[in-house]
């Protein structure tokens, strides 16, 4: 395995974990936004918007990592044949 391949695998792993964190953070923020009192310092709509943005970012990063993983897996299978 080349040095570039190792670096790419580390980047894919990092993207996966960042995407996972953003999804979890987004879901937590969405749940918090449902229960927060509007009289609080941070309005619930702000938390909701941040939650939606984090969820979207996590999904996009996750889809990128997933498709990259599938393409690499398919390429490895073809080189074995």
PDB file of N, CA and C in Angstrom:
ATOM      1  N   UNK A   1       0.846  -1.173   0.000  1.00  0.00           N
ATOM      2  CA  UNK A   1       0.000   0.000   0.000  1.00  0.00           C
ATOM      3  C   UNK A   1       0.893   1.238   0.000  1.00  0.00           C
ATOM      4  N   UNK A   2       0.571   2.180  -0.872  1.00  0.00           N
ATOM      5  CA  UNK A   2       1.390   3.375  -0.987  1.00  0.00           C
ATOM      6  C   UNK A   2       1.094   4.369   0.127  1.00  0.00           C
ATOM      7  N   UNK A   3       2.000   5.333   0.247  1.00  0.00           N
ATOM      8  CA  UNK A   3       1.847   6.381   1.256  1.00  0.00           C
ATOM      9  C   UNK A   3       0.590   7.207   1.009  1.00  0.00           C
ATOM     10  N   UNK A   4       0.303   7.448  -0.278  1.00  0.00           N
ATOM     11  CA  UNK A   4      -0.877   8.235  -0.631  1.00  0.00           C
ATOM     12  C   UNK A   4      -2.148   7.492  -0.238  1.00  0.00           C
ATOM     13  N   UNK A   5      -2.156   6.171  -0.396  1.00  0.00           N
ATOM     14  CA  UNK A   5      -3.322   5.366  -0.034  1.00  0.00           C
ATOM     15  C   UNK A   5      -3.580   5.432   1.467  1.00  0.00           C
ATOM     16  N   UNK A   6      -2.523   5.364   2.272  1.00  0.00           N
ATOM     17  CA  UNK A   6      -2.668   5.435   3.723  1.00  0.00           C
ATOM     18  C   UNK A   6      -3.238   6.784   4.119  1.00  0.00           C
ATOM     19  N   UNK A   7      -2.728   7.853   3.516  1.00  0.00           N
ATOM     20  CA  UNK A   7      -3.211   9.189   3.814  1.00  0.00           C
ATOM     21  C   UNK A   7      -4.682   9.336   3.434  1.00  0.00           C
ATOM     22  N   UNK A   8      -5.077   8.782   2.300  1.00  0.00           N
ATOM     23  CA  UNK A   8      -6.471   8.850   1.858  1.00  0.00           C
ATOM     24  C   UNK A   8      -7.370   8.077   2.802  1.00  0.00           C
ATOM     25  N   UNK A   9      -6.903   6.919   3.260  1.00  0.00           N
ATOM     26  CA  UNK A   9      -7.701   6.140   4.207  1.00  0.00           C
ATOM     27  C   UNK A   9      -7.885   6.897   5.520  1.00  0.00           C
ATOM     28  N   UNK A  10      -6.847   7.586   5.981  1.00  0.00           N
ATOM     29  CA  UNK A  10      -6.966   8.374   7.206  1.00  0.00           C
ATOM     30  C   UNK A  10      -7.955   9.514   7.013  1.00  0.00           C
ATOM     31  N   UNK A  11      -7.925  10.137   5.854  1.00  0.00           N
ATOM     32  CA  UNK A  11      -8.859  11.228   5.570  1.00  0.00           C
ATOM     33  C   UNK A  11     -10.292  10.708   5.536  1.00  0.00           C
ATOM     34  N   UNK A  12     -10.499   9.540   4.936  1.00  0.00           N
ATOM     35  CA  UNK A  12     -11.837   8.963   4.893  1.00  0.00           C
ATOM     36  C   UNK A  12     -12.335   8.638   6.292  1.00  0.00           C
ATOM     37  N   UNK A  13     -11.445   8.116   7.129  1.00  0.00           N
ATOM     38  CA  UNK A  13     -11.819   7.814   8.507  1.00  0.00           C
ATOM     39  C   UNK A  13     -12.163   9.089   9.252  1.00  0.00           C
ATOM     40  N   UNK A  14     -11.356  10.129   9.051  1.00  0.00           N
ATOM     41  CA  UNK A  14     -11.622  11.406   9.712  1.00  0.00           C
ATOM     42  C   UNK A  14     -12.958  11.985   9.239  1.00  0.00           C
ATOM     43  N   UNK A  15     -13.217  11.917   7.938  1.00  0.00           N
ATOM     44  CA  UNK A  15     -14.485  12.415   7.402  1.00  0.00           C
ATOM     45  C   UNK A  15     -15.661  11.658   8.003  1.00  0.00           C
ATOM     46  N   UNK A  16     -15.502  10.345   8.139  1.00  0.00           N
ATOM     47  CA  UNK A  16     -16.571   9.541   8.719  1.00  0.00           C
ATOM     48  C   UNK A  16     -16.886  10.000  10.130  1.00  0.00           C
ATOM     49  N   UNK A  17     -15.853  10.188  10.964  1.00  0.00           N
ATOM     50  CA  UNK A  17     -16.082  10.573  12.354  1.00  0.00           C
ATOM     51  C   UNK A  17     -16.595  11.994  12.477  1.00  0.00           C
ATOM     52  N   UNK A  18     -16.096  12.899  11.636  1.00  0.00           N
ATOM     53  CA  UNK A  18     -16.610  14.275  11.661  1.00  0.00           C
ATOM     54  C   UNK A  18     -18.075  14.288  11.232  1.00  0.00           C
ATOM     55  N   UNK A  19     -18.392  13.535  10.179  1.00  0.00           N
ATOM     56  CA  UNK A  19     -19.776  13.439   9.729  1.00  0.00           C
ATOM     57  C   UNK A  19     -20.677  12.845  10.793  1.00  0.00           C
ATOM     58  N   UNK A  20     -20.197  11.797  11.471  1.00  0.00           N
ATOM     59  CA  UNK A  20     -20.965  11.184  12.549  1.00  0.00           C
ATOM     60  C   UNK A  20     -21.196  12.173  13.681  1.00  0.00           C
ATOM     61  N   UNK A  21     -20.153  12.908  14.060  1.00  0.00           N
ATOM     62  CA  UNK A  21     -20.290  13.912  15.113  1.00  0.00           C
ATOM     63  C   UNK A  21     -21.301  14.985  14.727  1.00  0.00           C
ATOM     64  N   UNK A  22     -21.230  15.458  13.493  1.00  0.00           N
ATOM     65  CA  UNK A  22     -22.154  16.507  13.059  1.00  0.00           C
ATOM     66  C   UNK A  22     -23.600  16.017  13.032  1.00  0.00           C
ATOM     67  N   UNK A  23     -23.801  14.779  12.638  1.00  0.00           N
ATOM     68  CA  UNK A  23     -25.153  14.235  12.642  1.00  0.00           C
ATOM     69  C   UNK A  23     -25.690  14.164  14.066  1.00  0.00           C
ATOM     70  N   UNK A  24     -24.880  13.615  14.974  1.00  0.00           N
ATOM     71  CA  UNK A  24     -25.311  13.501  16.374  1.00  0.00           C
ATOM     72  C   UNK A  24     -25.544  14.889  16.971  1.00  0.00           C
ATOM     73  N   UNK A  25     -24.634  15.822  16.719  1.00  0.00           N
ATOM     74  CA  UNK A  25     -24.794  17.181  17.245  1.00  0.00           C
ATOM     75  C   UNK A  25     -26.062  17.830  16.684  1.00  0.00           C
ATOM     76  N   UNK A  26     -26.326  17.614  15.404  1.00  0.00           N
ATOM     77  CA  UNK A  26     -27.527  18.174  14.791  1.00  0.00           C
ATOM     78  C   UNK A  26     -28.799  17.605  15.392  1.00  0.00           C
ATOM     79  N   UNK A  27     -28.813  16.289  15.612  1.00  0.00           N
ATOM     80  CA  UNK A  27     -29.996  15.667  16.198  1.00  0.00           C
ATOM     81  C   UNK A  27     -30.199  16.149  17.628  1.00  0.00           C
ATOM     82  N   UNK A  28     -29.124  16.256  18.390  1.00  0.00           N
ATOM     83  CA  UNK A  28     -29.229  16.754  19.767  1.00  0.00           C
ATOM     84  C   UNK A  28     -29.754  18.183  19.772  1.00  0.00           C
ATOM     85  N   UNK A  29     -29.232  19.026  18.896  1.00  0.00           N
ATOM     86  CA  UNK A  29     -29.706  20.406  18.838  1.00  0.00           C
ATOM     87  C   UNK A  29     -31.176  20.489  18.452  1.00  0.00           C
ATOM     88  N   UNK A  30     -31.620  19.615  17.548  1.00  0.00           N
ATOM     89  CA  UNK A  30     -33.029  19.622  17.170  1.00  0.00           C
ATOM     90  C   UNK A  30     -33.917  19.243  18.349  1.00  0.00           C
ATOM     91  N   UNK A  31     -33.493  18.254  19.129  1.00  0.00           N
ATOM     92  CA  UNK A  31     -34.273  17.880  20.309  1.00  0.00           C
ATOM     93  C   UNK A  31     -34.257  18.992  21.353  1.00  0.00           C
ATOM     94  N   UNK A  32     -33.117  19.626  21.549  1.00  0.00           N
ATOM     95  CA  UNK A  32     -33.034  20.736  22.500  1.00  0.00           C
ATOM     96  C   UNK A  32     -33.950  21.876  22.059  1.00  0.00           C
ATOM     97  N   UNK A  33     -33.980  22.142  20.750  1.00  0.00           N
ATOM     98  CA  UNK A  33     -34.810  23.244  20.244  1.00  0.00           C
ATOM     99  C   UNK A  33     -36.287  23.011  20.511  1.00  0.00           C
ATOM    100  N   UNK A  34     -36.701  21.747  20.605  1.00  0.00           N
ATOM    101  CA  UNK A  34     -38.117  21.472  20.871  1.00  0.00           C
ATOM    102  C   UNK A  34     -38.495  21.771  22.316  1.00  0.00           C
ATOM    103  N   UNK A  35     -37.558  21.702  23.236  1.00  0.00           N
ATOM    104  CA  UNK A  35     -37.881  21.823  24.648  1.00  0.00           C
ATOM    105  C   UNK A  35     -37.427  23.127  25.293  1.00  0.00           C
ATOM    106  N   UNK A  36     -36.703  23.962  24.581  1.00  0.00           N
ATOM    107  CA  UNK A  36     -36.182  25.188  25.182  1.00  0.00           C
ATOM    108  C   UNK A  36     -37.287  26.253  25.237  1.00  0.00           C
ATOM    109  N   UNK A  37     -37.281  27.002  26.270  1.00  0.00           N
ATOM    110  CA  UNK A  37     -38.249  28.080  26.441  1.00  0.00           C
ATOM    111  C   UNK A  37     -37.827  29.256  25.560  1.00  0.00           C
ATOM    112  N   UNK A  38     -38.734  29.865  24.818  1.00  0.00           N
ATOM    113  CA  UNK A  38     -38.358  31.011  23.975  1.00  0.00           C
ATOM    114  C   UNK A  38     -37.801  32.199  24.758  1.00  0.00           C
ATOM    115  N   UNK A  39     -38.012  32.240  26.089  1.00  0.00           N
ATOM    116  CA  UNK A  39     -37.491  33.353  26.870  1.00  0.00           C
ATOM    117  C   UNK A  39     -36.005  33.184  27.204  1.00  0.00           C
ATOM    118  N   UNK A  40     -35.381  32.101  26.744  1.00  0.00           N
ATOM    119  CA  UNK A  40     -33.970  31.856  27.026  1.00  0.00           C
ATOM    120  C   UNK A  40     -33.062  32.804  26.262  1.00  0.00           C
ATOM    121  N   UNK A  41     -31.796  32.762  26.568  1.00  0.00           N
ATOM    122  CA  UNK A  41     -30.830  33.634  25.911  1.00  0.00           C
ATOM    123  C   UNK A  41     -30.711  33.284  24.428  1.00  0.00           C
ATOM    124  N   UNK A  42     -30.658  31.994  24.127  1.00  0.00           N
ATOM    125  CA  UNK A  42     -30.585  31.557  22.732  1.00  0.00           C
ATOM    126  C   UNK A  42     -31.971  31.061  22.343  1.00  0.00           C
ATOM    127  N   UNK A  43     -32.531  31.672  21.325  1.00  0.00           N
ATOM    128  CA  UNK A  43     -33.869  31.309  20.881  1.00  0.00           C
ATOM    129  C   UNK A  43     -33.850  29.911  20.260  1.00  0.00           C
ATOM    130  N   UNK A  44     -34.946  29.203  20.412  1.00  0.00           N
ATOM    131  CA  UNK A  44     -35.048  27.837  19.893  1.00  0.00           C
ATOM    132  C   UNK A  44     -34.860  27.750  18.391  1.00  0.00           C
ATOM    133  N   UNK A  45     -35.245  28.797  17.672  1.00  0.00           N
ATOM    134  CA  UNK A  45     -35.078  28.767  16.214  1.00  0.00           C
ATOM    135  C   UNK A  45     -33.596  28.775  15.830  1.00  0.00           C
ATOM    136  N   UNK A  46     -32.776  29.426  16.647  1.00  0.00           N
ATOM    137  CA  UNK A  46     -31.331  29.440  16.380  1.00  0.00           C
ATOM    138  C   UNK A  46     -30.767  28.037  16.578  1.00  0.00           C
ATOM    139  N   UNK A  47     -31.173  27.391  17.665  1.00  0.00           N
ATOM    140  CA  UNK A  47     -30.719  26.025  17.904  1.00  0.00           C
ATOM    141  C   UNK A  47     -31.219  25.083  16.812  1.00  0.00           C
ATOM    142  N   UNK A  48     -32.459  25.286  16.403  1.00  0.00           N
ATOM    143  CA  UNK A  48     -33.014  24.456  15.335  1.00  0.00           C
ATOM    144  C   UNK A  48     -32.276  24.639  14.025  1.00  0.00           C
ATOM    145  N   UNK A  49     -31.968  25.878  13.695  1.00  0.00           N
ATOM    146  CA  UNK A  49     -31.240  26.149  12.454  1.00  0.00           C
ATOM    147  C   UNK A  49     -29.846  25.538  12.502  1.00  0.00           C
ATOM    148  N   UNK A  50     -29.161  25.682  13.642  1.00  0.00           N
ATOM    149  CA  UNK A  50     -27.836  25.082  13.776  1.00  0.00           C
ATOM    150  C   UNK A  50     -27.920  23.562  13.674  1.00  0.00           C
ATOM    151  N   UNK A  51     -28.939  22.992  14.286  1.00  0.00           N
ATOM    152  CA  UNK A  51     -29.128  21.546  14.219  1.00  0.00           C
ATOM    153  C   UNK A  51     -29.350  21.069  12.799  1.00  0.00           C
ATOM    154  N   UNK A  52     -30.161  21.784  12.055  1.00  0.00           N
ATOM    155  CA  UNK A  52     -30.414  21.400  10.661  1.00  0.00           C
ATOM    156  C   UNK A  52     -29.162  21.534   9.805  1.00  0.00           C
ATOM    157  N   UNK A  53     -28.420  22.601  10.008  1.00  0.00           N
ATOM    158  CA  UNK A  53     -27.192  22.804   9.250  1.00  0.00           C
ATOM    159  C   UNK A  53     -26.166  21.714   9.584  1.00  0.00           C
ATOM    160  N   UNK A  54     -26.033  21.386  10.861  1.00  0.00           N
ATOM    161  CA  UNK A  54     -25.088  20.334  11.262  1.00  0.00           C
ATOM    162  C   UNK A  54     -25.499  18.976  10.711  1.00  0.00           C
ATOM    163  N   UNK A  55     -26.802  18.713  10.722  1.00  0.00           N
ATOM    164  CA  UNK A  55     -27.291  17.445  10.175  1.00  0.00           C
ATOM    165  C   UNK A  55     -27.019  17.370   8.680  1.00  0.00           C
ATOM    166  N   UNK A  56     -27.264  18.456   7.964  1.00  0.00           N
ATOM    167  CA  UNK A  56     -26.996  18.482   6.528  1.00  0.00           C
ATOM    168  C   UNK A  56     -25.515  18.281   6.249  1.00  0.00           C
ATOM    169  N   UNK A  57     -24.662  18.997   6.976  1.00  0.00           N
ATOM    170  CA  UNK A  57     -23.219  18.857   6.763  1.00  0.00           C
ATOM    171  C   UNK A  57     -22.758  17.429   7.053  1.00  0.00           C
ATOM    172  N   UNK A  58     -23.284  16.855   8.122  1.00  0.00           N
ATOM    173  CA  UNK A  58     -22.919  15.482   8.455  1.00  0.00           C
ATOM    174  C   UNK A  58     -23.360  14.501   7.384  1.00  0.00           C
ATOM    175  N   UNK A  59     -24.558  14.697   6.869  1.00  0.00           N
ATOM    176  CA  UNK A  59     -25.062  13.806   5.817  1.00  0.00           C
ATOM    177  C   UNK A  59     -24.226  13.922   4.545  1.00  0.00           C
ATOM    178  N   UNK A  60     -23.895  15.140   4.170  1.00  0.00           N
ATOM    179  CA  UNK A  60     -23.094  15.332   2.957  1.00  0.00           C
ATOM    180  C   UNK A  60     -21.709  14.707   3.103  1.00  0.00           C
ATOM    181  N   UNK A  61     -21.096  14.916   4.258  1.00  0.00           N
ATOM    182  CA  UNK A  61     -19.774  14.326   4.482  1.00  0.00           C
ATOM    183  C   UNK A  61     -19.867  12.802   4.549  1.00  0.00           C
ATOM    184  N   UNK A  62     -20.926  12.313   5.155  1.00  0.00           N
ATOM    185  CA  UNK A  62     -21.112  10.875   5.244  1.00  0.00           C
ATOM    186  C   UNK A  62     -21.353  10.237   3.891  1.00  0.00           C
ATOM    187  N   UNK A  63     -22.150  10.907   3.052  1.00  0.00           N
ATOM    188  CA  UNK A  63     -22.392  10.370   1.710  1.00  0.00           C
ATOM    189  C   UNK A  63     -21.109  10.348   0.898  1.00  0.00           C
ATOM    190  N   UNK A  64     -20.292  11.379   1.039  1.00  0.00           N
ATOM    191  CA  UNK A  64     -19.014  11.427   0.336  1.00  0.00           C
ATOM    192  C   UNK A  64     -18.116  10.271   0.776  1.00  0.00           C
ATOM    193  N   UNK A  65     -18.029  10.063   2.076  1.00  0.00           N
ATOM    194  CA  UNK A  65     -17.196   8.981   2.589  1.00  0.00           C
ATOM    195  C   UNK A  65     -17.749   7.623   2.167  1.00  0.00           C
ATOM    196  N   UNK A  66     -19.067   7.461   2.191  1.00  0.00           N
ATOM    197  CA  UNK A  66     -19.684   6.184   1.822  1.00  0.00           C
ATOM    198  C   UNK A  66     -19.445   5.859   0.356  1.00  0.00           C
ATOM    199  N   UNK A  67     -19.676   6.830  -0.534  1.00  0.00           N
ATOM    200  CA  UNK A  67     -19.459   6.566  -1.953  1.00  0.00           C
ATOM    201  C   UNK A  67     -17.988   6.332  -2.236  1.00  0.00           C
ATOM    202  N   UNK A  68     -17.114   7.062  -1.582  1.00  0.00           N
ATOM    203  CA  UNK A  68     -15.672   6.854  -1.756  1.00  0.00           C
ATOM    204  C   UNK A  68     -15.291   5.446  -1.327  1.00  0.00           C
ATOM    205  N   UNK A  69     -15.836   4.987  -0.200  1.00  0.00           N
ATOM    206  CA  UNK A  69     -15.559   3.642   0.290  1.00  0.00           C
ATOM    207  C   UNK A  69     -16.049   2.597  -0.702  1.00  0.00           C
ATOM    208  N   UNK A  70     -17.252   2.762  -1.220  1.00  0.00           N
ATOM    209  CA  UNK A  70     -17.810   1.795  -2.163  1.00  0.00           C
ATOM    210  C   UNK A  70     -16.999   1.750  -3.459  1.00  0.00           C
ATOM    211  N   UNK A  71     -16.583   2.904  -3.950  1.00  0.00           N
ATOM    212  CA  UNK A  71     -15.791   2.946  -5.182  1.00  0.00           C
ATOM    213  C   UNK A  71     -14.456   2.245  -4.967  1.00  0.00           C
ATOM    214  N   UNK A  72     -13.788   2.524  -3.855  1.00  0.00           N
ATOM    215  CA  UNK A  72     -12.504   1.881  -3.566  1.00  0.00           C
ATOM    216  C   UNK A  72     -12.665   0.380  -3.411  1.00  0.00           C
ATOM    217  N   UNK A  73     -13.742  -0.036  -2.754  1.00  0.00           N
ATOM    218  CA  UNK A  73     -13.987  -1.465  -2.570  1.00  0.00           C
ATOM    219  C   UNK A  73     -14.191  -2.143  -3.922  1.00  0.00           C
ATOM    220  N   UNK A  74     -14.951  -1.503  -4.789  1.00  0.00           N
ATOM    221  CA  UNK A  74     -15.201  -2.068  -6.120  1.00  0.00           C
ATOM    222  C   UNK A  74     -13.909  -2.126  -6.936  1.00  0.00           C
ATOM    223  N   UNK A  75     -13.059  -1.106  -6.810  1.00  0.00           N
ATOM    224  CA  UNK A  75     -11.780  -1.104  -7.538  1.00  0.00           C
ATOM    225  C   UNK A  75     -10.874  -2.223  -7.027  1.00  0.00           C
ATOM    226  N   UNK A  76     -10.860  -2.441  -5.705  1.00  0.00           N
ATOM    227  CA  UNK A  76     -10.050  -3.528  -5.151  1.00  0.00           C
ATOM    228  C   UNK A  76     -10.532  -4.881  -5.637  1.00  0.00           C
ATOM    229  N   UNK A  77     -11.851  -5.050  -5.718  1.00  0.00           N
ATOM    230  CA  UNK A  77     -12.406  -6.316  -6.195  1.00  0.00           C
ATOM    231  C   UNK A  77     -12.046  -6.560  -7.651  1.00  0.00           C
ATOM    232  N   UNK A  78     -12.049  -5.517  -8.466  1.00  0.00           N
ATOM    233  CA  UNK A  78     -11.716  -5.665  -9.879  1.00  0.00           C
ATOM    234  C   UNK A  78     -10.244  -5.979 -10.077  1.00  0.00           C
ATOM    235  N   UNK A  79      -9.371  -5.407  -9.235  1.00  0.00           N
ATOM    236  CA  UNK A  79      -7.937  -5.690  -9.387  1.00  0.00           C
ATOM    237  C   UNK A  79      -7.598  -7.106  -8.929  1.00  0.00           C
ATOM    238  N   UNK A  80      -8.390  -7.678  -8.025  1.00  0.00           N
ATOM    239  CA  UNK A  80      -8.164  -9.058  -7.587  1.00  0.00           C
ATOM    240  C   UNK A  80      -8.533 -10.059  -8.658  1.00  0.00           C
ATOM    241  N   UNK A  81      -9.495  -9.695  -9.502  1.00  0.00           N
ATOM    242  CA  UNK A  81      -9.978 -10.631 -10.551  1.00  0.00           C
ATOM    243  C   UNK A  81      -9.042 -10.756 -11.690  1.00  0.00           C
TER     244      UNK A  81
END
